[in-house]
Amino acid sequence: MTIEWLKYQVPSEVAESFLKADAEIWTAMLSQQPGFISKQTWLNPQKPEEINFVICWQSKKHWKAIPQTLLEETDRKFVKAIGHFELLEVLEYTIV
């Protein structure tokens, strides 16, 4: 299994809107992709502006098989709905 970890900086006053749009746009698209297992949202109580997404894939091959055009189209929809937010970190883990 491969874990995709995304860390965003989102002002606390728009966090609820950000999470709602993410669920409706990104999670909806990702959940339809082959190899998708789950997506969790982790909030850091010491840093309320930090939002982490932990996305589980059957393999890195499944994760990376998402067409670039679909990723770009989904990103455009998200930015149009909520605006652009700073992606602080992208990490990848493999569960053995």
PDB file of N, CA and C in Angstrom:
ATOM      1  N   MET A   1       0.844  -1.172   0.000  1.00  0.00           N
ATOM      2  CA  MET A   1       0.000   0.000   0.000  1.00  0.00           C
ATOM      3  C   MET A   1       0.893   1.240   0.000  1.00  0.00           C
ATOM      4  N   THR A   2       0.433   2.268  -0.678  1.00  0.00           N
ATOM      5  CA  THR A   2       1.137   3.542  -0.744  1.00  0.00           C
ATOM      6  C   THR A   2       0.261   4.617  -0.114  1.00  0.00           C
ATOM      7  N   ILE A   3       0.905   5.475   0.668  1.00  0.00           N
ATOM      8  CA  ILE A   3       0.215   6.589   1.310  1.00  0.00           C
ATOM      9  C   ILE A   3       0.682   7.889   0.659  1.00  0.00           C
ATOM     10  N   GLU A   4      -0.274   8.679   0.248  1.00  0.00           N
ATOM     11  CA  GLU A   4      -0.021  10.032  -0.257  1.00  0.00           C
ATOM     12  C   GLU A   4      -0.407  10.986   0.871  1.00  0.00           C
ATOM     13  N   TRP A   5       0.527  11.809   1.300  1.00  0.00           N
ATOM     14  CA  TRP A   5       0.297  12.729   2.412  1.00  0.00           C
ATOM     15  C   TRP A   5       0.445  14.163   1.902  1.00  0.00           C
ATOM     16  N   LEU A   6      -0.609  14.939   2.050  1.00  0.00           N
ATOM     17  CA  LEU A   6      -0.618  16.334   1.614  1.00  0.00           C
ATOM     18  C   LEU A   6      -0.861  17.239   2.808  1.00  0.00           C
ATOM     19  N   LYS A   7      -0.023  18.252   2.965  1.00  0.00           N
ATOM     20  CA  LYS A   7      -0.183  19.207   4.060  1.00  0.00           C
ATOM     21  C   LYS A   7      -0.439  20.590   3.469  1.00  0.00           C
ATOM     22  N   TYR A   8      -1.564  21.184   3.878  1.00  0.00           N
ATOM     23  CA  TYR A   8      -1.958  22.514   3.401  1.00  0.00           C
ATOM     24  C   TYR A   8      -1.964  23.519   4.544  1.00  0.00           C
ATOM     25  N   GLN A   9      -1.756  24.769   4.192  1.00  0.00           N
ATOM     26  CA  GLN A   9      -1.947  25.868   5.124  1.00  0.00           C
ATOM     27  C   GLN A   9      -3.215  26.594   4.691  1.00  0.00           C
ATOM     28  N   VAL A  10      -4.210  26.579   5.580  1.00  0.00           N
ATOM     29  CA  VAL A  10      -5.520  27.150   5.273  1.00  0.00           C
ATOM     30  C   VAL A  10      -5.939  28.025   6.454  1.00  0.00           C
ATOM     31  N   PRO A  11      -6.221  29.304   6.216  1.00  0.00           N
ATOM     32  CA  PRO A  11      -6.683  30.149   7.322  1.00  0.00           C
ATOM     33  C   PRO A  11      -7.902  29.526   8.009  1.00  0.00           C
ATOM     34  N   SER A  12      -7.908  29.536   9.319  1.00  0.00           N
ATOM     35  CA  SER A  12      -8.963  28.856  10.076  1.00  0.00           C
ATOM     36  C   SER A  12     -10.365  29.360   9.720  1.00  0.00           C
ATOM     37  N   GLU A  13     -10.481  30.619   9.322  1.00  0.00           N
ATOM     38  CA  GLU A  13     -11.811  31.158   9.006  1.00  0.00           C
ATOM     39  C   GLU A  13     -12.400  30.586   7.717  1.00  0.00           C
ATOM     40  N   VAL A  14     -11.604  29.946   6.882  1.00  0.00           N
ATOM     41  CA  VAL A  14     -12.125  29.330   5.654  1.00  0.00           C
ATOM     42  C   VAL A  14     -11.939  27.810   5.638  1.00  0.00           C
ATOM     43  N   ALA A  15     -11.462  27.247   6.740  1.00  0.00           N
ATOM     44  CA  ALA A  15     -11.177  25.808   6.779  1.00  0.00           C
ATOM     45  C   ALA A  15     -12.416  24.964   6.491  1.00  0.00           C
ATOM     46  N   GLU A  16     -13.559  25.349   7.040  1.00  0.00           N
ATOM     47  CA  GLU A  16     -14.779  24.570   6.816  1.00  0.00           C
ATOM     48  C   GLU A  16     -15.162  24.556   5.332  1.00  0.00           C
ATOM     49  N   SER A  17     -15.092  25.695   4.682  1.00  0.00           N
ATOM     50  CA  SER A  17     -15.398  25.776   3.244  1.00  0.00           C
ATOM     51  C   SER A  17     -14.386  24.979   2.429  1.00  0.00           C
ATOM     52  N   PHE A  18     -13.118  25.073   2.811  1.00  0.00           N
ATOM     53  CA  PHE A  18     -12.054  24.334   2.143  1.00  0.00           C
ATOM     54  C   PHE A  18     -12.323  22.831   2.220  1.00  0.00           C
ATOM     55  N   LEU A  19     -12.642  22.334   3.411  1.00  0.00           N
ATOM     56  CA  LEU A  19     -12.881  20.901   3.598  1.00  0.00           C
ATOM     57  C   LEU A  19     -14.125  20.430   2.847  1.00  0.00           C
ATOM     58  N   LYS A  20     -15.163  21.253   2.834  1.00  0.00           N
ATOM     59  CA  LYS A  20     -16.385  20.892   2.109  1.00  0.00           C
ATOM     60  C   LYS A  20     -16.106  20.797   0.603  1.00  0.00           C
ATOM     61  N   ALA A  21     -15.422  21.793   0.058  1.00  0.00           N
ATOM     62  CA  ALA A  21     -15.101  21.785  -1.374  1.00  0.00           C
ATOM     63  C   ALA A  21     -14.167  20.622  -1.709  1.00  0.00           C
ATOM     64  N   ASP A  22     -13.213  20.341  -0.833  1.00  0.00           N
ATOM     65  CA  ASP A  22     -12.310  19.220  -1.071  1.00  0.00           C
ATOM     66  C   ASP A  22     -13.084  17.907  -1.153  1.00  0.00           C
ATOM     67  N   ALA A  23     -14.004  17.702  -0.233  1.00  0.00           N
ATOM     68  CA  ALA A  23     -14.795  16.471  -0.236  1.00  0.00           C
ATOM     69  C   ALA A  23     -15.637  16.351  -1.506  1.00  0.00           C
ATOM     70  N   GLU A  24     -16.249  17.458  -1.913  1.00  0.00           N
ATOM     71  CA  GLU A  24     -17.137  17.443  -3.077  1.00  0.00           C
ATOM     72  C   GLU A  24     -16.388  17.329  -4.396  1.00  0.00           C
ATOM     73  N   ILE A  25     -15.161  17.832  -4.445  1.00  0.00           N
ATOM     74  CA  ILE A  25     -14.430  17.879  -5.712  1.00  0.00           C
ATOM     75  C   ILE A  25     -13.313  16.844  -5.750  1.00  0.00           C
ATOM     76  N   TRP A  26     -12.326  16.979  -4.861  1.00  0.00           N
ATOM     77  CA  TRP A  26     -11.169  16.074  -4.911  1.00  0.00           C
ATOM     78  C   TRP A  26     -11.505  14.656  -4.454  1.00  0.00           C
ATOM     79  N   THR A  27     -12.111  14.538  -3.282  1.00  0.00           N
ATOM     80  CA  THR A  27     -12.385  13.194  -2.768  1.00  0.00           C
ATOM     81  C   THR A  27     -13.353  12.455  -3.682  1.00  0.00           C
ATOM     82  N   ALA A  28     -14.332  13.148  -4.208  1.00  0.00           N
ATOM     83  CA  ALA A  28     -15.284  12.513  -5.131  1.00  0.00           C
ATOM     84  C   ALA A  28     -14.569  11.950  -6.350  1.00  0.00           C
ATOM     85  N   MET A  29     -13.630  12.701  -6.900  1.00  0.00           N
ATOM     86  CA  MET A  29     -12.893  12.225  -8.071  1.00  0.00           C
ATOM     87  C   MET A  29     -11.951  11.084  -7.696  1.00  0.00           C
ATOM     88  N   LEU A  30     -11.178  11.263  -6.629  1.00  0.00           N
ATOM     89  CA  LEU A  30     -10.202  10.239  -6.242  1.00  0.00           C
ATOM     90  C   LEU A  30     -10.868   8.910  -5.914  1.00  0.00           C
ATOM     91  N   SER A  31     -12.008   8.966  -5.261  1.00  0.00           N
ATOM     92  CA  SER A  31     -12.682   7.737  -4.837  1.00  0.00           C
ATOM     93  C   SER A  31     -13.161   6.892  -6.016  1.00  0.00           C
ATOM     94  N   GLN A  32     -13.214   7.469  -7.196  1.00  0.00           N
ATOM     95  CA  GLN A  32     -13.621   6.735  -8.394  1.00  0.00           C
ATOM     96  C   GLN A  32     -12.440   6.104  -9.130  1.00  0.00           C
ATOM     97  N   GLN A  33     -11.235   6.353  -8.663  1.00  0.00           N
ATOM     98  CA  GLN A  33     -10.041   5.871  -9.350  1.00  0.00           C
ATOM     99  C   GLN A  33      -9.699   4.444  -8.916  1.00  0.00           C
ATOM    100  N   PRO A  34      -9.257   3.608  -9.863  1.00  0.00           N
ATOM    101  CA  PRO A  34      -8.830   2.261  -9.498  1.00  0.00           C
ATOM    102  C   PRO A  34      -7.694   2.333  -8.475  1.00  0.00           C
ATOM    103  N   GLY A  35      -7.759   1.489  -7.474  1.00  0.00           N
ATOM    104  CA  GLY A  35      -6.711   1.424  -6.466  1.00  0.00           C
ATOM    105  C   GLY A  35      -6.903   2.343  -5.282  1.00  0.00           C
ATOM    106  N   PHE A  36      -7.910   3.221  -5.339  1.00  0.00           N
ATOM    107  CA  PHE A  36      -8.185   4.103  -4.202  1.00  0.00           C
ATOM    108  C   PHE A  36      -8.727   3.270  -3.050  1.00  0.00           C
ATOM    109  N   ILE A  37      -8.185   3.490  -1.849  1.00  0.00           N
ATOM    110  CA  ILE A  37      -8.666   2.776  -0.664  1.00  0.00           C
ATOM    111  C   ILE A  37      -9.439   3.711   0.263  1.00  0.00           C
ATOM    112  N   SER A  38      -8.807   4.827   0.651  1.00  0.00           N
ATOM    113  CA  SER A  38      -9.470   5.731   1.584  1.00  0.00           C
ATOM    114  C   SER A  38      -8.772   7.089   1.602  1.00  0.00           C
ATOM    115  N   LYS A  39      -9.450   8.052   2.199  1.00  0.00           N
ATOM    116  CA  LYS A  39      -8.873   9.376   2.403  1.00  0.00           C
ATOM    117  C   LYS A  39      -9.308   9.862   3.778  1.00  0.00           C
ATOM    118  N   GLN A  40      -8.334  10.298   4.552  1.00  0.00           N
ATOM    119  CA  GLN A  40      -8.605  10.834   5.880  1.00  0.00           C
ATOM    120  C   GLN A  40      -8.131  12.282   5.944  1.00  0.00           C
ATOM    121  N   THR A  41      -8.784  13.052   6.792  1.00  0.00           N
ATOM    122  CA  THR A  41      -8.376  14.426   7.052  1.00  0.00           C
ATOM    123  C   THR A  41      -7.880  14.491   8.482  1.00  0.00           C
ATOM    124  N   TRP A  42      -6.654  14.955   8.644  1.00  0.00           N
ATOM    125  CA  TRP A  42      -6.060  15.090   9.973  1.00  0.00           C
ATOM    126  C   TRP A  42      -5.841  16.571  10.252  1.00  0.00           C
ATOM    127  N   LEU A  43      -6.363  17.031  11.381  1.00  0.00           N
ATOM    128  CA  LEU A  43      -6.200  18.415  11.800  1.00  0.00           C
ATOM    129  C   LEU A  43      -5.234  18.451  12.981  1.00  0.00           C
ATOM    130  N   ASN A  44      -4.375  19.453  12.990  1.00  0.00           N
ATOM    131  CA  ASN A  44      -3.382  19.608  14.039  1.00  0.00           C
ATOM    132  C   ASN A  44      -3.913  20.602  15.071  1.00  0.00           C
ATOM    133  N   PRO A  45      -4.261  20.147  16.293  1.00  0.00           N
ATOM    134  CA  PRO A  45      -4.823  21.066  17.273  1.00  0.00           C
ATOM    135  C   PRO A  45      -3.858  22.174  17.707  1.00  0.00           C
ATOM    136  N   GLN A  46      -2.558  21.948  17.558  1.00  0.00           N
ATOM    137  CA  GLN A  46      -1.579  22.985  17.899  1.00  0.00           C
ATOM    138  C   GLN A  46      -1.404  24.009  16.775  1.00  0.00           C
ATOM    139  N   LYS A  47      -1.814  23.637  15.559  1.00  0.00           N
ATOM    140  CA  LYS A  47      -1.711  24.540  14.404  1.00  0.00           C
ATOM    141  C   LYS A  47      -3.037  24.487  13.639  1.00  0.00           C
ATOM    142  N   PRO A  48      -4.029  25.280  14.049  1.00  0.00           N
ATOM    143  CA  PRO A  48      -5.353  25.186  13.432  1.00  0.00           C
ATOM    144  C   PRO A  48      -5.373  25.482  11.936  1.00  0.00           C
ATOM    145  N   GLU A  49      -4.347  26.149  11.416  1.00  0.00           N
ATOM    146  CA  GLU A  49      -4.308  26.464   9.982  1.00  0.00           C
ATOM    147  C   GLU A  49      -3.735  25.305   9.152  1.00  0.00           C
ATOM    148  N   GLU A  50      -3.311  24.241   9.807  1.00  0.00           N
ATOM    149  CA  GLU A  50      -2.710  23.097   9.101  1.00  0.00           C
ATOM    150  C   GLU A  50      -3.751  22.000   8.873  1.00  0.00           C
ATOM    151  N   ILE A  51      -3.910  21.626   7.612  1.00  0.00           N
ATOM    152  CA  ILE A  51      -4.816  20.531   7.243  1.00  0.00           C
ATOM    153  C   ILE A  51      -4.006  19.493   6.487  1.00  0.00           C
ATOM    154  N   ASN A  52      -4.106  18.247   6.944  1.00  0.00           N
ATOM    155  CA  ASN A  52      -3.387  17.132   6.316  1.00  0.00           C
ATOM    156  C   ASN A  52      -4.387  16.154   5.717  1.00  0.00           C
ATOM    157  N   PHE A  53      -4.096  15.709   4.514  1.00  0.00           N
ATOM    158  CA  PHE A  53      -4.879  14.652   3.883  1.00  0.00           C
ATOM    159  C   PHE A  53      -3.992  13.428   3.761  1.00  0.00           C
ATOM    160  N   VAL A  54      -4.508  12.299   4.204  1.00  0.00           N
ATOM    161  CA  VAL A  54      -3.800  11.028   4.129  1.00  0.00           C
ATOM    162  C   VAL A  54      -4.627  10.134   3.208  1.00  0.00           C
ATOM    163  N   ILE A  55      -4.068   9.854   2.025  1.00  0.00           N
ATOM    164  CA  ILE A  55      -4.794   9.108   0.994  1.00  0.00           C
ATOM    165  C   ILE A  55      -4.105   7.767   0.802  1.00  0.00           C
ATOM    166  N   CYS A  56      -4.878   6.708   0.940  1.00  0.00           N
ATOM    167  CA  CYS A  56      -4.339   5.354   0.833  1.00  0.00           C
ATOM    168  C   CYS A  56      -4.670   4.761  -0.536  1.00  0.00           C
ATOM    169  N   TRP A  57      -3.620   4.241  -1.167  1.00  0.00           N
ATOM    170  CA  TRP A  57      -3.729   3.615  -2.485  1.00  0.00           C
ATOM    171  C   TRP A  57      -3.245   2.167  -2.401  1.00  0.00           C
ATOM    172  N   GLN A  58      -3.792   1.320  -3.248  1.00  0.00           N
ATOM    173  CA  GLN A  58      -3.324  -0.071  -3.282  1.00  0.00           C
ATOM    174  C   GLN A  58      -1.848  -0.138  -3.644  1.00  0.00           C
ATOM    175  N   SER A  59      -1.414   0.777  -4.505  1.00  0.00           N
ATOM    176  CA  SER A  59      -0.003   0.804  -4.908  1.00  0.00           C
ATOM    177  C   SER A  59       0.327   2.181  -5.477  1.00  0.00           C
ATOM    178  N   LYS A  60       1.613   2.455  -5.583  1.00  0.00           N
ATOM    179  CA  LYS A  60       2.054   3.700  -6.214  1.00  0.00           C
ATOM    180  C   LYS A  60       1.624   3.714  -7.680  1.00  0.00           C
ATOM    181  N   LYS A  61       1.651   2.568  -8.306  1.00  0.00           N
ATOM    182  CA  LYS A  61       1.242   2.466  -9.711  1.00  0.00           C
ATOM    183  C   LYS A  61      -0.200   2.947  -9.885  1.00  0.00           C
ATOM    184  N   HIS A  62      -1.090   2.560  -8.982  1.00  0.00           N
ATOM    185  CA  HIS A  62      -2.475   3.016  -9.059  1.00  0.00           C
ATOM    186  C   HIS A  62      -2.562   4.532  -8.894  1.00  0.00           C
ATOM    187  N   TRP A  63      -1.858   5.048  -7.896  1.00  0.00           N
ATOM    188  CA  TRP A  63      -1.877   6.481  -7.615  1.00  0.00           C
ATOM    189  C   TRP A  63      -1.392   7.274  -8.824  1.00  0.00           C
ATOM    190  N   LYS A  64      -0.285   6.862  -9.375  1.00  0.00           N
ATOM    191  CA  LYS A  64       0.330   7.610 -10.477  1.00  0.00           C
ATOM    192  C   LYS A  64      -0.356   7.384 -11.826  1.00  0.00           C
ATOM    193  N   ALA A  65      -1.318   6.458 -11.868  1.00  0.00           N
ATOM    194  CA  ALA A  65      -2.029   6.180 -13.117  1.00  0.00           C
ATOM    195  C   ALA A  65      -3.160   7.175 -13.390  1.00  0.00           C
ATOM    196  N   ILE A  66      -3.440   8.048 -12.436  1.00  0.00           N
ATOM    197  CA  ILE A  66      -4.494   9.047 -12.669  1.00  0.00           C
ATOM    198  C   ILE A  66      -4.025   9.975 -13.783  1.00  0.00           C
ATOM    199  N   PRO A  67      -4.818  10.128 -14.830  1.00  0.00           N
ATOM    200  CA  PRO A  67      -4.399  10.978 -15.952  1.00  0.00           C
ATOM    201  C   PRO A  67      -4.138  12.422 -15.513  1.00  0.00           C
ATOM    202  N   GLN A  68      -3.052  12.978 -15.997  1.00  0.00           N
ATOM    203  CA  GLN A  68      -2.677  14.358 -15.661  1.00  0.00           C
ATOM    204  C   GLN A  68      -3.787  15.332 -16.026  1.00  0.00           C
ATOM    205  N   THR A  69      -4.460  15.087 -17.127  1.00  0.00           N
ATOM    206  CA  THR A  69      -5.547  15.980 -17.547  1.00  0.00           C
ATOM    207  C   THR A  69      -6.686  15.976 -16.521  1.00  0.00           C
ATOM    208  N   LEU A  70      -6.966  14.820 -15.930  1.00  0.00           N
ATOM    209  CA  LEU A  70      -8.012  14.733 -14.907  1.00  0.00           C
ATOM    210  C   LEU A  70      -7.582  15.477 -13.644  1.00  0.00           C
ATOM    211  N   LEU A  71      -6.324  15.354 -13.267  1.00  0.00           N
ATOM    212  CA  LEU A  71      -5.804  16.080 -12.102  1.00  0.00           C
ATOM    213  C   LEU A  71      -5.901  17.593 -12.318  1.00  0.00           C
ATOM    214  N   GLU A  72      -5.523  18.037 -13.491  1.00  0.00           N
ATOM    215  CA  GLU A  72      -5.566  19.467 -13.801  1.00  0.00           C
ATOM    216  C   GLU A  72      -7.003  19.989 -13.824  1.00  0.00           C
ATOM    217  N   GLU A  73      -7.903  19.221 -14.423  1.00  0.00           N
ATOM    218  CA  GLU A  73      -9.315  19.613 -14.481  1.00  0.00           C
ATOM    219  C   GLU A  73      -9.905  19.701 -13.070  1.00  0.00           C
ATOM    220  N   THR A  74      -9.582  18.735 -12.220  1.00  0.00           N
ATOM    221  CA  THR A  74     -10.079  18.731 -10.846  1.00  0.00           C
ATOM    222  C   THR A  74      -9.514  19.909 -10.071  1.00  0.00           C
ATOM    223  N   ASP A  75      -8.243  20.210 -10.272  1.00  0.00           N
ATOM    224  CA  ASP A  75      -7.633  21.351  -9.598  1.00  0.00           C
ATOM    225  C   ASP A  75      -8.293  22.661 -10.026  1.00  0.00           C
ATOM    226  N   ARG A  76      -8.583  22.798 -11.318  1.00  0.00           N
ATOM    227  CA  ARG A  76      -9.261  24.004 -11.806  1.00  0.00           C
ATOM    228  C   ARG A  76     -10.633  24.163 -11.138  1.00  0.00           C
ATOM    229  N   LYS A  77     -11.377  23.063 -11.017  1.00  0.00           N
ATOM    230  CA  LYS A  77     -12.690  23.113 -10.365  1.00  0.00           C
ATOM    231  C   LYS A  77     -12.555  23.547  -8.907  1.00  0.00           C
ATOM    232  N   PHE A  78     -11.544  22.998  -8.242  1.00  0.00           N
ATOM    233  CA  PHE A  78     -11.352  23.328  -6.834  1.00  0.00           C
ATOM    234  C   PHE A  78     -10.968  24.797  -6.664  1.00  0.00           C
ATOM    235  N   VAL A  79     -10.024  25.268  -7.451  1.00  0.00           N
ATOM    236  CA  VAL A  79      -9.582  26.663  -7.362  1.00  0.00           C
ATOM    237  C   VAL A  79     -10.737  27.605  -7.683  1.00  0.00           C
ATOM    238  N   LYS A  80     -11.547  27.241  -8.658  1.00  0.00           N
ATOM    239  CA  LYS A  80     -12.701  28.075  -9.007  1.00  0.00           C
ATOM    240  C   LYS A  80     -13.693  28.127  -7.844  1.00  0.00           C
ATOM    241  N   ALA A  81     -13.864  27.008  -7.145  1.00  0.00           N
ATOM    242  CA  ALA A  81     -14.836  26.935  -6.059  1.00  0.00           C
ATOM    243  C   ALA A  81     -14.358  27.624  -4.782  1.00  0.00           C
ATOM    244  N   ILE A  82     -13.080  27.515  -4.479  1.00  0.00           N
ATOM    245  CA  ILE A  82     -12.615  27.947  -3.163  1.00  0.00           C
ATOM    246  C   ILE A  82     -11.382  28.847  -3.202  1.00  0.00           C
ATOM    247  N   GLY A  83     -10.675  28.881  -4.304  1.00  0.00           N
ATOM    248  CA  GLY A  83      -9.451  29.672  -4.377  1.00  0.00           C
ATOM    249  C   GLY A  83      -8.215  28.791  -4.243  1.00  0.00           C
ATOM    250  N   HIS A  84      -7.075  29.422  -4.245  1.00  0.00           N
ATOM    251  CA  HIS A  84      -5.797  28.697  -4.171  1.00  0.00           C
ATOM    252  C   HIS A  84      -5.270  28.741  -2.742  1.00  0.00           C
ATOM    253  N   PHE A  85      -4.798  27.608  -2.257  1.00  0.00           N
ATOM    254  CA  PHE A  85      -4.213  27.533  -0.922  1.00  0.00           C
ATOM    255  C   PHE A  85      -2.835  26.912  -1.003  1.00  0.00           C
ATOM    256  N   GLU A  86      -1.996  27.282  -0.063  1.00  0.00           N
ATOM    257  CA  GLU A  86      -0.606  26.839  -0.092  1.00  0.00           C
ATOM    258  C   GLU A  86      -0.471  25.366   0.304  1.00  0.00           C
ATOM    259  N   LEU A  87       0.080  24.599  -0.621  1.00  0.00           N
ATOM    260  CA  LEU A  87       0.427  23.207  -0.346  1.00  0.00           C
ATOM    261  C   LEU A  87       1.824  23.220   0.250  1.00  0.00           C
ATOM    262  N   LEU A  88       1.936  22.879   1.528  1.00  0.00           N
ATOM    263  CA  LEU A  88       3.204  22.965   2.237  1.00  0.00           C
ATOM    264  C   LEU A  88       4.110  21.772   1.998  1.00  0.00           C
ATOM    265  N   GLU A  89       3.492  20.595   1.825  1.00  0.00           N
ATOM    266  CA  GLU A  89       4.305  19.388   1.776  1.00  0.00           C
ATOM    267  C   GLU A  89       3.549  18.263   1.089  1.00  0.00           C
ATOM    268  N   VAL A  90       4.278  17.492   0.304  1.00  0.00           N
ATOM    269  CA  VAL A  90       3.751  16.269  -0.307  1.00  0.00           C
ATOM    270  C   VAL A  90       4.715  15.158   0.052  1.00  0.00           C
ATOM    271  N   LEU A  91       4.192  14.146   0.725  1.00  0.00           N
ATOM    272  CA  LEU A  91       5.037  13.020   1.120  1.00  0.00           C
ATOM    273  C   LEU A  91       4.444  11.728   0.595  1.00  0.00           C
ATOM    274  N   GLU A  92       5.292  10.730   0.505  1.00  0.00           N
ATOM    275  CA  GLU A  92       4.864   9.402   0.064  1.00  0.00           C
ATOM    276  C   GLU A  92       5.447   8.373   1.024  1.00  0.00           C
ATOM    277  N   TYR A  93       4.590   7.451   1.439  1.00  0.00           N
ATOM    278  CA  TYR A  93       5.020   6.368   2.322  1.00  0.00           C
ATOM    279  C   TYR A  93       4.568   5.045   1.716  1.00  0.00           C
ATOM    280  N   THR A  94       5.325   4.005   1.978  1.00  0.00           N
ATOM    281  CA  THR A  94       4.963   2.663   1.562  1.00  0.00           C
ATOM    282  C   THR A  94       4.788   1.812   2.802  1.00  0.00           C
ATOM    283  N   ILE A  95       3.663   1.137   2.886  1.00  0.00           N
ATOM    284  CA  ILE A  95       3.422   0.220   3.995  1.00  0.00           C
ATOM    285  C   ILE A  95       3.899  -1.167   3.563  1.00  0.00           C
ATOM    286  N   VAL A  96       4.735  -1.744   4.387  1.00  0.00           N
ATOM    287  CA  VAL A  96       5.268  -3.081   4.074  1.00  0.00           C
ATOM    288  C   VAL A  96       4.778  -4.110   5.059  1.00  0.00           C
TER     289      VAL A  96
END
